[in-house]
Amino acid sequence: MSESKPISWSTISGLTDRERQLGRFMFGDADLRGITVVNVTINGERLPDIVDGEVMGSERRAS
């Protein structure tokens, strides 16, 4: 992993505030460059897929 700054739930772009909250609840303060989140649902709410610190499909989610 490179020496650049970690990507956290607070700094990753393309997520809603609720998705950030759910992500922190499930995965804590993990560096999102080091995990893959795919097909995760929490109490009926789905987190978007995240691979290598990027939200997949973020171009459609950008507001």
PDB file of N, CA and C in Angstrom:
ATOM      1  N   MET A   1       0.852  -1.180   0.000  1.00  0.00           N
ATOM      2  CA  MET A   1       0.000   0.000   0.000  1.00  0.00           C
ATOM      3  C   MET A   1       0.890   1.232   0.000  1.00  0.00           C
ATOM      4  N   SER A   2       0.496   2.234  -0.749  1.00  0.00           N
ATOM      5  CA  SER A   2       1.309   3.442  -0.855  1.00  0.00           C
ATOM      6  C   SER A   2       1.277   4.238   0.448  1.00  0.00           C
ATOM      7  N   GLU A   3       2.128   5.235   0.500  1.00  0.00           N
ATOM      8  CA  GLU A   3       2.246   6.058   1.698  1.00  0.00           C
ATOM      9  C   GLU A   3       1.244   7.217   1.719  1.00  0.00           C
ATOM     10  N   SER A   4       0.344   7.297   0.736  1.00  0.00           N
ATOM     11  CA  SER A   4      -0.614   8.394   0.710  1.00  0.00           C
ATOM     12  C   SER A   4      -1.593   8.286   1.879  1.00  0.00           C
ATOM     13  N   LYS A   5      -2.335   9.347   2.078  1.00  0.00           N
ATOM     14  CA  LYS A   5      -3.266   9.428   3.201  1.00  0.00           C
ATOM     15  C   LYS A   5      -4.374   8.368   3.088  1.00  0.00           C
ATOM     16  N   PRO A   6      -4.734   7.715   4.184  1.00  0.00           N
ATOM     17  CA  PRO A   6      -5.799   6.703   4.159  1.00  0.00           C
ATOM     18  C   PRO A   6      -7.131   7.277   3.681  1.00  0.00           C
ATOM     19  N   ILE A   7      -7.946   6.434   3.096  1.00  0.00           N
ATOM     20  CA  ILE A   7      -9.303   6.815   2.705  1.00  0.00           C
ATOM     21  C   ILE A   7     -10.239   6.254   3.761  1.00  0.00           C
ATOM     22  N   SER A   8     -11.000   7.132   4.391  1.00  0.00           N
ATOM     23  CA  SER A   8     -11.904   6.716   5.468  1.00  0.00           C
ATOM     24  C   SER A   8     -13.348   6.937   5.038  1.00  0.00           C
ATOM     25  N   TRP A   9     -14.261   6.518   5.883  1.00  0.00           N
ATOM     26  CA  TRP A   9     -15.676   6.752   5.618  1.00  0.00           C
ATOM     27  C   TRP A   9     -15.978   8.243   5.561  1.00  0.00           C
ATOM     28  N   SER A  10     -15.195   9.054   6.242  1.00  0.00           N
ATOM     29  CA  SER A  10     -15.414  10.495   6.229  1.00  0.00           C
ATOM     30  C   SER A  10     -14.884  11.155   4.965  1.00  0.00           C
ATOM     31  N   THR A  11     -13.851  10.569   4.350  1.00  0.00           N
ATOM     32  CA  THR A  11     -13.201  11.242   3.219  1.00  0.00           C
ATOM     33  C   THR A  11     -13.535  10.652   1.853  1.00  0.00           C
ATOM     34  N   ILE A  12     -14.110   9.471   1.791  1.00  0.00           N
ATOM     35  CA  ILE A  12     -14.435   8.864   0.496  1.00  0.00           C
ATOM     36  C   ILE A  12     -15.571   9.649  -0.156  1.00  0.00           C
ATOM     37  N   SER A  13     -15.455   9.886  -1.446  1.00  0.00           N
ATOM     38  CA  SER A  13     -16.512  10.628  -2.138  1.00  0.00           C
ATOM     39  C   SER A  13     -17.534   9.670  -2.724  1.00  0.00           C
ATOM     40  N   GLY A  14     -18.737  10.151  -2.956  1.00  0.00           N
ATOM     41  CA  GLY A  14     -19.773   9.361  -3.594  1.00  0.00           C
ATOM     42  C   GLY A  14     -20.719   8.650  -2.657  1.00  0.00           C
ATOM     43  N   LEU A  15     -20.663   8.953  -1.344  1.00  0.00           N
ATOM     44  CA  LEU A  15     -21.561   8.312  -0.379  1.00  0.00           C
ATOM     45  C   LEU A  15     -22.482   9.344   0.257  1.00  0.00           C
ATOM     46  N   THR A  16     -23.655   8.889   0.648  1.00  0.00           N
ATOM     47  CA  THR A  16     -24.553   9.748   1.425  1.00  0.00           C
ATOM     48  C   THR A  16     -24.099   9.730   2.889  1.00  0.00           C
ATOM     49  N   ASP A  17     -24.597  10.651   3.674  1.00  0.00           N
ATOM     50  CA  ASP A  17     -24.273  10.669   5.104  1.00  0.00           C
ATOM     51  C   ASP A  17     -24.714   9.368   5.774  1.00  0.00           C
ATOM     52  N   ARG A  18     -25.870   8.849   5.385  1.00  0.00           N
ATOM     53  CA  ARG A  18     -26.359   7.596   5.974  1.00  0.00           C
ATOM     54  C   ARG A  18     -25.436   6.426   5.616  1.00  0.00           C
ATOM     55  N   GLU A  19     -24.966   6.360   4.371  1.00  0.00           N
ATOM     56  CA  GLU A  19     -24.044   5.300   3.967  1.00  0.00           C
ATOM     57  C   GLU A  19     -22.738   5.384   4.744  1.00  0.00           C
ATOM     58  N   ARG A  20     -22.262   6.597   4.984  1.00  0.00           N
ATOM     59  CA  ARG A  20     -21.040   6.779   5.788  1.00  0.00           C
ATOM     60  C   ARG A  20     -21.259   6.255   7.216  1.00  0.00           C
ATOM     61  N   GLN A  21     -22.419   6.592   7.775  1.00  0.00           N
ATOM     62  CA  GLN A  21     -22.752   6.157   9.132  1.00  0.00           C
ATOM     63  C   GLN A  21     -22.816   4.625   9.215  1.00  0.00           C
ATOM     64  N   LEU A  22     -23.480   4.002   8.269  1.00  0.00           N
ATOM     65  CA  LEU A  22     -23.583   2.540   8.248  1.00  0.00           C
ATOM     66  C   LEU A  22     -22.215   1.895   8.048  1.00  0.00           C
ATOM     67  N   GLY A  23     -21.403   2.472   7.196  1.00  0.00           N
ATOM     68  CA  GLY A  23     -20.070   1.934   6.948  1.00  0.00           C
ATOM     69  C   GLY A  23     -19.198   1.981   8.196  1.00  0.00           C
ATOM     70  N   ARG A  24     -19.243   3.105   8.904  1.00  0.00           N
ATOM     71  CA  ARG A  24     -18.470   3.213  10.159  1.00  0.00           C
ATOM     72  C   ARG A  24     -18.978   2.210  11.187  1.00  0.00           C
ATOM     73  N   PHE A  25     -20.286   2.007  11.240  1.00  0.00           N
ATOM     74  CA  PHE A  25     -20.881   1.051  12.174  1.00  0.00           C
ATOM     75  C   PHE A  25     -20.366  -0.362  11.897  1.00  0.00           C
ATOM     76  N   MET A  26     -20.340  -0.751  10.630  1.00  0.00           N
ATOM     77  CA  MET A  26     -19.951  -2.118  10.264  1.00  0.00           C
ATOM     78  C   MET A  26     -18.443  -2.346  10.235  1.00  0.00           C
ATOM     79  N   PHE A  27     -17.693  -1.371   9.767  1.00  0.00           N
ATOM     80  CA  PHE A  27     -16.278  -1.593   9.489  1.00  0.00           C
ATOM     81  C   PHE A  27     -15.335  -0.705  10.295  1.00  0.00           C
ATOM     82  N   GLY A  28     -15.860   0.144  11.157  1.00  0.00           N
ATOM     83  CA  GLY A  28     -15.012   1.006  11.976  1.00  0.00           C
ATOM     84  C   GLY A  28     -14.230   1.989  11.127  1.00  0.00           C
ATOM     85  N   ASP A  29     -13.029   2.271  11.566  1.00  0.00           N
ATOM     86  CA  ASP A  29     -12.197   3.275  10.896  1.00  0.00           C
ATOM     87  C   ASP A  29     -11.197   2.653   9.928  1.00  0.00           C
ATOM     88  N   ALA A  30     -11.601   1.588   9.251  1.00  0.00           N
ATOM     89  CA  ALA A  30     -10.710   0.904   8.308  1.00  0.00           C
ATOM     90  C   ALA A  30     -10.296   1.832   7.180  1.00  0.00           C
ATOM     91  N   ASP A  31      -9.054   1.640   6.697  1.00  0.00           N
ATOM     92  CA  ASP A  31      -8.592   2.331   5.500  1.00  0.00           C
ATOM     93  C   ASP A  31      -9.275   1.643   4.327  1.00  0.00           C
ATOM     94  N   LEU A  32     -10.131   2.354   3.627  1.00  0.00           N
ATOM     95  CA  LEU A  32     -10.947   1.747   2.582  1.00  0.00           C
ATOM     96  C   LEU A  32     -10.148   1.353   1.349  1.00  0.00           C
ATOM     97  N   ARG A  33      -8.880   1.736   1.285  1.00  0.00           N
ATOM     98  CA  ARG A  33      -8.041   1.267   0.181  1.00  0.00           C
ATOM     99  C   ARG A  33      -7.716  -0.209   0.358  1.00  0.00           C
ATOM    100  N   GLY A  34      -7.857  -0.719   1.576  1.00  0.00           N
ATOM    101  CA  GLY A  34      -7.451  -2.082   1.871  1.00  0.00           C
ATOM    102  C   GLY A  34      -8.580  -3.076   2.009  1.00  0.00           C
ATOM    103  N   ILE A  35      -9.825  -2.649   1.795  1.00  0.00           N
ATOM    104  CA  ILE A  35     -10.943  -3.595   1.902  1.00  0.00           C
ATOM    105  C   ILE A  35     -11.824  -3.488   0.662  1.00  0.00           C
ATOM    106  N   THR A  36     -12.601  -4.528   0.435  1.00  0.00           N
ATOM    107  CA  THR A  36     -13.588  -4.534  -0.638  1.00  0.00           C
ATOM    108  C   THR A  36     -14.949  -4.757   0.001  1.00  0.00           C
ATOM    109  N   VAL A  37     -15.881  -3.883  -0.305  1.00  0.00           N
ATOM    110  CA  VAL A  37     -17.244  -3.970   0.209  1.00  0.00           C
ATOM    111  C   VAL A  37     -18.145  -4.253  -0.988  1.00  0.00           C
ATOM    112  N   VAL A  38     -18.727  -5.443  -1.035  1.00  0.00           N
ATOM    113  CA  VAL A  38     -19.571  -5.814  -2.161  1.00  0.00           C
ATOM    114  C   VAL A  38     -20.829  -6.490  -1.634  1.00  0.00           C
ATOM    115  N   ASN A  39     -21.978  -5.995  -2.070  1.00  0.00           N
ATOM    116  CA  ASN A  39     -23.267  -6.596  -1.749  1.00  0.00           C
ATOM    117  C   ASN A  39     -23.518  -6.666  -0.238  1.00  0.00           C
ATOM    118  N   VAL A  40     -23.270  -5.561   0.459  1.00  0.00           N
ATOM    119  CA  VAL A  40     -23.479  -5.497   1.905  1.00  0.00           C
ATOM    120  C   VAL A  40     -24.805  -4.789   2.194  1.00  0.00           C
ATOM    121  N   THR A  41     -25.657  -5.452   2.960  1.00  0.00           N
ATOM    122  CA  THR A  41     -26.936  -4.885   3.366  1.00  0.00           C
ATOM    123  C   THR A  41     -27.019  -4.912   4.889  1.00  0.00           C
ATOM    124  N   ILE A  42     -27.424  -3.783   5.469  1.00  0.00           N
ATOM    125  CA  ILE A  42     -27.540  -3.649   6.917  1.00  0.00           C
ATOM    126  C   ILE A  42     -28.972  -3.220   7.226  1.00  0.00           C
ATOM    127  N   ASN A  43     -29.718  -4.082   7.898  1.00  0.00           N
ATOM    128  CA  ASN A  43     -31.115  -3.790   8.238  1.00  0.00           C
ATOM    129  C   ASN A  43     -31.901  -3.296   7.033  1.00  0.00           C
ATOM    130  N   GLY A  44     -31.693  -3.931   5.894  1.00  0.00           N
ATOM    131  CA  GLY A  44     -32.427  -3.579   4.688  1.00  0.00           C
ATOM    132  C   GLY A  44     -31.859  -2.409   3.905  1.00  0.00           C
ATOM    133  N   GLU A  45     -30.807  -1.785   4.394  1.00  0.00           N
ATOM    134  CA  GLU A  45     -30.180  -0.671   3.687  1.00  0.00           C
ATOM    135  C   GLU A  45     -28.883  -1.164   3.052  1.00  0.00           C
ATOM    136  N   ARG A  46     -28.735  -0.943   1.755  1.00  0.00           N
ATOM    137  CA  ARG A  46     -27.582  -1.462   1.027  1.00  0.00           C
ATOM    138  C   ARG A  46     -26.486  -0.411   0.916  1.00  0.00           C
ATOM    139  N   LEU A  47     -25.263  -0.833   1.235  1.00  0.00           N
ATOM    140  CA  LEU A  47     -24.092   0.008   0.994  1.00  0.00           C
ATOM    141  C   LEU A  47     -23.670  -0.160  -0.454  1.00  0.00           C
ATOM    142  N   PRO A  48     -23.206   0.907  -1.085  1.00  0.00           N
ATOM    143  CA  PRO A  48     -22.696   0.740  -2.446  1.00  0.00           C
ATOM    144  C   PRO A  48     -21.407  -0.080  -2.418  1.00  0.00           C
ATOM    145  N   ASP A  49     -21.093  -0.705  -3.530  1.00  0.00           N
ATOM    146  CA  ASP A  49     -19.856  -1.465  -3.621  1.00  0.00           C
ATOM    147  C   ASP A  49     -18.672  -0.498  -3.590  1.00  0.00           C
ATOM    148  N   ILE A  50     -17.638  -0.872  -2.824  1.00  0.00           N
ATOM    149  CA  ILE A  50     -16.422  -0.064  -2.703  1.00  0.00           C
ATOM    150  C   ILE A  50     -15.244  -0.992  -2.955  1.00  0.00           C
ATOM    151  N   VAL A  51     -14.393  -0.622  -3.912  1.00  0.00           N
ATOM    152  CA  VAL A  51     -13.222  -1.415  -4.265  1.00  0.00           C
ATOM    153  C   VAL A  51     -12.019  -0.483  -4.315  1.00  0.00           C
ATOM    154  N   ASP A  52     -10.967  -0.833  -3.580  1.00  0.00           N
ATOM    155  CA  ASP A  52      -9.726  -0.040  -3.553  1.00  0.00           C
ATOM    156  C   ASP A  52      -9.975   1.428  -3.231  1.00  0.00           C
ATOM    157  N   GLY A  53     -10.913   1.683  -2.329  1.00  0.00           N
ATOM    158  CA  GLY A  53     -11.167   3.051  -1.895  1.00  0.00           C
ATOM    159  C   GLY A  53     -12.007   3.879  -2.847  1.00  0.00           C
ATOM    160  N   GLU A  54     -12.645   3.238  -3.837  1.00  0.00           N
ATOM    161  CA  GLU A  54     -13.503   3.946  -4.781  1.00  0.00           C
ATOM    162  C   GLU A  54     -14.898   3.352  -4.766  1.00  0.00           C
ATOM    163  N   VAL A  55     -15.902   4.237  -4.773  1.00  0.00           N
ATOM    164  CA  VAL A  55     -17.283   3.795  -4.842  1.00  0.00           C
ATOM    165  C   VAL A  55     -17.568   3.424  -6.294  1.00  0.00           C
ATOM    166  N   MET A  56     -17.969   2.194  -6.514  1.00  0.00           N
ATOM    167  CA  MET A  56     -18.284   1.749  -7.858  1.00  0.00           C
ATOM    168  C   MET A  56     -19.600   2.361  -8.291  1.00  0.00           C
ATOM    169  N   GLY A  57     -19.644   2.897  -9.505  1.00  0.00           N
ATOM    170  CA  GLY A  57     -20.835   3.546 -10.001  1.00  0.00           C
ATOM    171  C   GLY A  57     -21.013   4.945  -9.444  1.00  0.00           C
ATOM    172  N   SER A  58     -19.934   5.560  -8.928  1.00  0.00           N
ATOM    173  CA  SER A  58     -20.052   6.870  -8.289  1.00  0.00           C
ATOM    174  C   SER A  58     -20.479   7.954  -9.268  1.00  0.00           C
ATOM    175  N   GLU A  59     -20.238   7.776 -10.581  1.00  0.00           N
ATOM    176  CA  GLU A  59     -20.644   8.798 -11.540  1.00  0.00           C
ATOM    177  C   GLU A  59     -22.160   8.952 -11.573  1.00  0.00           C
ATOM    178  N   ARG A  60     -22.916   7.866 -11.353  1.00  0.00           N
ATOM    179  CA  ARG A  60     -24.368   7.977 -11.324  1.00  0.00           C
ATOM    180  C   ARG A  60     -24.861   8.496  -9.978  1.00  0.00           C
ATOM    181  N   ARG A  61     -24.016   8.375  -8.933  1.00  0.00           N
ATOM    182  CA  ARG A  61     -24.413   8.772  -7.586  1.00  0.00           C
ATOM    183  C   ARG A  61     -24.068  10.225  -7.288  1.00  0.00           C
ATOM    184  N   ALA A  62     -23.188  10.794  -8.084  1.00  0.00           N
ATOM    185  CA  ALA A  62     -22.744  12.171  -7.800  1.00  0.00           C
ATOM    186  C   ALA A  62     -23.935  13.109  -7.913  1.00  0.00           C
ATOM    187  N   SER A  63     -23.995  14.054  -6.981  1.00  0.00           N
ATOM    188  CA  SER A  63     -25.110  14.995  -7.024  1.00  0.00           C
ATOM    189  C   SER A  63     -24.603  16.402  -7.218  1.00  0.00           C
TER     190      SER A  63
END
